[in-house]
C-alpha atoms as a PDB file:
ATOM      1  CA  UNK A   1     116.349  73.503  66.165  1.00  0.00           C
ATOM      2  CA  UNK A   2     113.244  73.605  68.244  1.00  0.00           C
ATOM      3  CA  UNK A   3     111.865  77.030  69.369  1.00  0.00           C
ATOM      4  CA  UNK A   4     110.936  77.255  73.002  1.00  0.00           C
ATOM      5  CA  UNK A   5     107.603  79.022  73.298  1.00  0.00           C
ATOM      6  CA  UNK A   6     106.668  80.231  76.898  1.00  0.00           C
ATOM      7  CA  UNK A   7     103.347  79.044  78.186  1.00  0.00           C
ATOM      8  CA  UNK A   8     100.373  81.199  77.631  1.00  0.00           C
ATOM      9  CA  UNK A   9      99.488  83.299  80.722  1.00  0.00           C
ATOM     10  CA  UNK A  10      96.510  82.160  82.729  1.00  0.00           C
ATOM     11  CA  UNK A  11      93.610  84.370  82.141  1.00  0.00           C
ATOM     12  CA  UNK A  12      91.541  85.433  85.158  1.00  0.00           C
ATOM     13  CA  UNK A  13      88.245  83.472  85.046  1.00  0.00           C
ATOM     14  CA  UNK A  14      86.371  86.288  86.806  1.00  0.00           C
ATOM     15  CA  UNK A  15      87.099  89.046  84.327  1.00  0.00           C
ATOM     16  CA  UNK A  16      88.175  87.046  81.268  1.00  0.00           C
ATOM     17  CA  UNK A  17      91.336  89.157  80.944  1.00  0.00           C
ATOM     18  CA  UNK A  18      89.577  92.553  80.961  1.00  0.00           C
ATOM     19  CA  UNK A  19      90.816  93.544  84.336  1.00  0.00           C
ATOM     20  CA  UNK A  20      90.347  97.340  84.341  1.00  0.00           C
ATOM     21  CA  UNK A  21      87.442  99.300  82.992  1.00  0.00           C
ATOM     22  CA  UNK A  22      86.634 103.016  82.856  1.00  0.00           C
ATOM     23  CA  UNK A  23      83.185 103.790  84.278  1.00  0.00           C
ATOM     24  CA  UNK A  24      81.570 107.170  83.433  1.00  0.00           C
ATOM     25  CA  UNK A  25      80.031 109.046  86.315  1.00  0.00           C
ATOM     26  CA  UNK A  26      77.637 110.959  84.112  1.00  0.00           C
ATOM     27  CA  UNK A  27      78.048 114.539  82.986  1.00  0.00           C
ATOM     28  CA  UNK A  28      81.174 116.517  82.225  1.00  0.00           C
ATOM     29  CA  UNK A  29      83.509 118.714  84.310  1.00  0.00           C
ATOM     30  CA  UNK A  30      84.014 122.433  83.798  1.00  0.00           C
ATOM     31  CA  UNK A  31      86.570 121.813  80.902  1.00  0.00           C
ATOM     32  CA  UNK A  32      84.186 119.432  79.099  1.00  0.00           C
ATOM     33  CA  UNK A  33      85.901 116.138  79.975  1.00  0.00           C
ATOM     34  CA  UNK A  34      83.933 113.115  80.863  1.00  0.00           C
ATOM     35  CA  UNK A  35      84.209 112.215  84.585  1.00  0.00           C
ATOM     36  CA  UNK A  36      85.384 108.627  84.838  1.00  0.00           C
ATOM     37  CA  UNK A  37      86.659 106.211  87.547  1.00  0.00           C
ATOM     38  CA  UNK A  38      88.722 103.070  87.005  1.00  0.00           C
ATOM     39  CA  UNK A  39      87.464  99.906  88.402  1.00  0.00           C
ATOM     40  CA  UNK A  40      89.738  96.849  88.833  1.00  0.00           C
ATOM     41  CA  UNK A  41      88.860  93.190  89.027  1.00  0.00           C
ATOM     42  CA  UNK A  42      88.935  92.244  92.647  1.00  0.00           C
ATOM     43  CA  UNK A  43      90.013  88.642  91.941  1.00  0.00           C
ATOM     44  CA  UNK A  44      93.205  89.420  89.916  1.00  0.00           C
ATOM     45  CA  UNK A  45      93.635  92.919  91.243  1.00  0.00           C
ATOM     46  CA  UNK A  46      93.774  94.531  87.764  1.00  0.00           C
ATOM     47  CA  UNK A  47      96.345  92.247  86.161  1.00  0.00           C
ATOM     48  CA  UNK A  48      94.015  90.148  84.061  1.00  0.00           C
ATOM     49  CA  UNK A  49      95.997  86.978  84.768  1.00  0.00           C
ATOM     50  CA  UNK A  50      96.020  84.492  87.643  1.00  0.00           C
ATOM     51  CA  UNK A  51      99.306  83.290  89.240  1.00  0.00           C
ATOM     52  CA  UNK A  52      99.481  79.994  90.930  1.00  0.00           C
ATOM     53  CA  UNK A  53     102.041  80.054  93.707  1.00  0.00           C
ATOM     54  CA  UNK A  54     102.890  77.232  96.105  1.00  0.00           C
ATOM     55  CA  UNK A  55     102.427  78.315  99.621  1.00  0.00           C
ATOM     56  CA  UNK A  56     105.206  77.312 101.945  1.00  0.00           C
ATOM     57  CA  UNK A  57     107.650  76.749  99.033  1.00  0.00           C
ATOM     58  CA  UNK A  58     111.179  78.321  99.549  1.00  0.00           C
ATOM     59  CA  UNK A  59     112.256  80.727  96.868  1.00  0.00           C
END
């Protein structure tokens, strides 16, 4: 019996699948933790994949 394998997700060409990164702001806070912010890819909005949807199609 053949195994059905789902298609591989489409990787975002802008970020190559690395959709979110932590960027250090330099220095540490009062407790000694690094101050970081999270930056998301603007093209895929932090998912790492692209979804193709047909506009105007009825669901």
